[in-house]
Protein backbone atom coordinates (compact mmCIF):
# COMPACT_ATOMS: atom_id res chain seq x y z
CA MET A 1 118.92 83.53 117.43
CA GLU A 2 119.91 80.29 118.79
CA THR A 3 119.01 79.58 122.28
CA ALA A 4 122.54 79.05 123.08
CA ASN A 5 124.14 81.88 121.86
CA ALA A 6 121.53 84.43 123.26
CA ILE A 7 122.41 83.17 126.71
CA LEU A 8 126.00 83.89 125.94
CA VAL A 9 125.26 87.15 124.41
CA SER A 10 123.22 87.65 127.75
CA ASN A 11 126.02 86.49 129.70
CA CYS A 12 128.64 88.83 127.82
CA LEU A 13 126.78 91.74 128.25
CA ALA A 14 126.13 91.53 132.12
CA THR A 15 129.93 90.61 132.54
CA SER A 16 131.29 93.23 130.58
CA TYR A 17 128.96 95.62 132.51
CA MET A 18 130.08 94.23 135.68
CA VAL A 19 133.65 94.58 134.48
CA GLY A 20 133.08 98.43 133.91
CA LEU A 21 131.60 99.02 137.30
CA ILE A 22 133.88 97.26 139.19
CA TRP A 23 136.84 99.12 137.59
CA MET A 24 135.36 102.23 138.88
CA VAL A 25 134.87 101.18 141.85
CA GLN A 26 137.98 100.09 142.77
CA VAL A 27 139.59 103.03 140.97
CA VAL A 28 137.65 105.74 141.92
CA HIS A 29 134.67 105.03 144.03
CA TYR A 30 136.28 102.90 147.10
CA PRO A 31 139.12 105.03 147.59
CA LEU A 32 137.31 108.32 147.59
CA PHE A 33 135.81 106.79 150.90
CA ALA A 34 138.43 107.81 152.38
CA PHE A 35 137.84 111.73 151.94
CA ILE A 36 134.16 111.48 152.96
CA GLY A 37 134.79 112.67 156.59
CA GLN A 38 133.20 111.64 159.65
CA GLN A 39 130.31 114.02 159.94
CA GLY A 40 127.44 111.95 157.99
CA TYR A 41 129.61 109.09 157.03
CA GLN A 42 127.33 106.11 158.73
CA GLU A 43 124.35 107.56 156.52
CA TYR A 44 126.70 107.71 153.37
CA GLN A 45 127.60 104.02 154.24
CA LYS A 46 124.49 102.98 154.85
CA ARG A 47 122.79 104.73 151.66
CA HIS A 48 125.70 103.60 149.52
CA GLN A 49 124.67 100.03 150.65
CA MET A 50 120.95 100.28 149.62
CA LEU A 51 121.88 102.22 146.34
CA THR A 52 124.42 99.77 145.36
CA THR A 53 122.11 97.05 145.54
CA PHE A 54 119.72 98.48 142.70
CA VAL A 55 123.13 98.96 140.37
CA VAL A 56 124.51 95.42 140.85
CA GLY A 57 122.17 93.03 142.02
CA PRO A 58 120.37 92.21 138.54
CA PRO A 59 123.28 92.35 136.72
CA MET A 60 125.11 89.57 139.20
CA LEU A 61 121.74 87.62 138.88
CA VAL A 62 121.44 87.66 135.19
CA GLU A 63 125.11 86.81 135.16
CA ALA A 64 125.20 83.93 137.38
CA PHE A 65 121.70 82.43 136.06
CA THR A 66 123.23 82.80 132.37
CA SER A 67 126.51 80.97 133.52
CA ILE A 68 124.75 78.45 134.89
CA LEU A 69 122.51 77.76 131.78
CA LEU A 70 125.53 77.68 129.72
CA ALA A 71 126.46 74.49 131.16
CA TRP A 72 123.24 73.03 129.41
CA TYR A 73 123.05 74.92 126.47
CA PRO A 74 126.69 75.27 125.48
CA PRO A 75 127.02 77.29 122.43
CA THR A 76 128.74 75.21 119.22
CA GLY A 77 132.57 75.65 119.66
CA VAL A 78 132.45 76.70 123.18
CA SER A 79 134.18 74.08 125.50
CA TYR A 80 132.87 72.86 128.60
CA TRP A 81 136.62 74.01 130.16
CA GLN A 82 135.71 77.74 129.01
CA ILE A 83 131.80 77.33 130.57
CA PHE A 84 133.08 75.85 134.49
CA THR A 85 136.26 78.25 134.39
CA GLY A 86 133.47 81.05 133.93
CA ILE A 87 131.32 79.58 136.75
CA ALA A 88 134.32 78.98 138.88
CA LEU A 89 135.10 82.47 138.23
CA MET A 90 132.08 83.68 139.47
CA PHE A 91 131.84 81.04 142.47
CA VAL A 92 135.12 83.18 143.81
CA ILE A 93 133.54 86.93 143.05
CA TRP A 94 130.24 85.79 145.10
CA LEU A 95 132.37 84.36 147.86
CA SER A 96 134.76 87.06 148.28
CA THR A 97 132.00 89.91 148.01
CA ALA A 98 129.71 87.71 150.62
CA ALA A 99 132.68 86.76 152.82
CA ILE A 100 135.10 89.97 152.87
CA GLN A 101 133.76 92.96 151.10
CA VAL A 102 129.57 92.96 152.56
CA PRO A 103 131.34 92.10 156.04
CA CYS A 104 133.83 95.42 155.54
CA HIS A 105 130.73 97.54 154.30
CA GLY A 106 128.50 96.49 157.55
CA LYS A 107 131.89 97.92 159.32
CA LEU A 108 132.21 100.35 157.69
CA ALA A 109 128.61 101.56 158.22
CA LEU A 110 129.23 101.94 161.95
CA GLY A 111 131.51 104.67 161.15
CA PHE A 112 134.86 105.32 159.06
CA ASP A 113 138.24 102.86 159.96
CA LYS A 114 141.19 103.42 158.13
CA ARG A 115 142.17 99.50 158.55
CA ILE A 116 138.81 98.17 157.05
CA HIS A 117 138.79 100.55 154.61
CA ARG A 118 142.51 99.54 153.80
CA ARG A 119 140.92 96.15 153.83
CA LEU A 120 137.70 96.94 151.39
CA VAL A 121 140.13 98.70 148.70
CA ALA A 122 143.07 95.35 148.48
CA SER A 123 140.34 92.45 148.95
CA ASN A 124 138.22 94.05 146.28
CA TRP A 125 141.18 93.17 143.81
CA ILE A 126 140.04 89.96 143.79
CA ARG A 127 136.80 90.88 142.16
CA THR A 128 138.26 93.08 140.11
CA LEU A 129 140.43 90.70 138.46
CA ALA A 130 138.25 87.65 138.53
CA TRP A 131 135.44 89.76 136.77
CA SER A 132 137.97 90.95 134.45
CA ALA A 133 139.51 87.84 133.36
CA ARG A 134 135.50 86.45 133.17
CA GLY A 135 135.12 89.39 130.70
CA VAL A 136 138.45 88.49 128.56
CA LEU A 137 136.69 84.53 128.64
CA VAL A 138 132.96 85.43 127.93
CA GLY A 139 134.13 87.75 125.16
CA TRP A 140 136.82 84.99 123.62
CA MET A 141 134.02 82.64 123.90
CA LEU A 142 131.30 85.09 122.23
CA LEU A 143 134.21 85.92 119.45
CA ILE A 144 134.24 81.99 118.81
CA VAL A 145 130.14 81.55 118.02
CA LEU A 146 130.65 84.63 115.98
CA SER A 147 133.77 83.52 113.60
CA ALA A 148 131.45 79.78 113.56
CA ASN A 149 129.01 81.71 111.96
């Protein structure tokens, strides 16, 4: 397999994984925080943050690395605007994560707060929609490459 195509496939796999995961987090996981109860909530949040890092960290890094590599090794038929739109969406995801969701989790680790929980769930739509758009975009790029072969 050509290098550019292998990079695109890796990017598509990492993005697809994150699309599925973010929808589960948005629809199921985050809303259920409200039902944990006060007793043990702080420990739950601390463990949640630690364990989640192992699940999201590696695919996010693969996605970021392969997104940037696509700019240097664009697959045949894939335009630069598609690649840079994908990078821009990834930037939105990382910025939202660092500026909104991580601080919300930090505050929730001190104890459940309805206002912070609502902010976390509402603001996570930024990542959910951006990752969904990335999923469509990289899927489209993969279809372009497959149809050219």
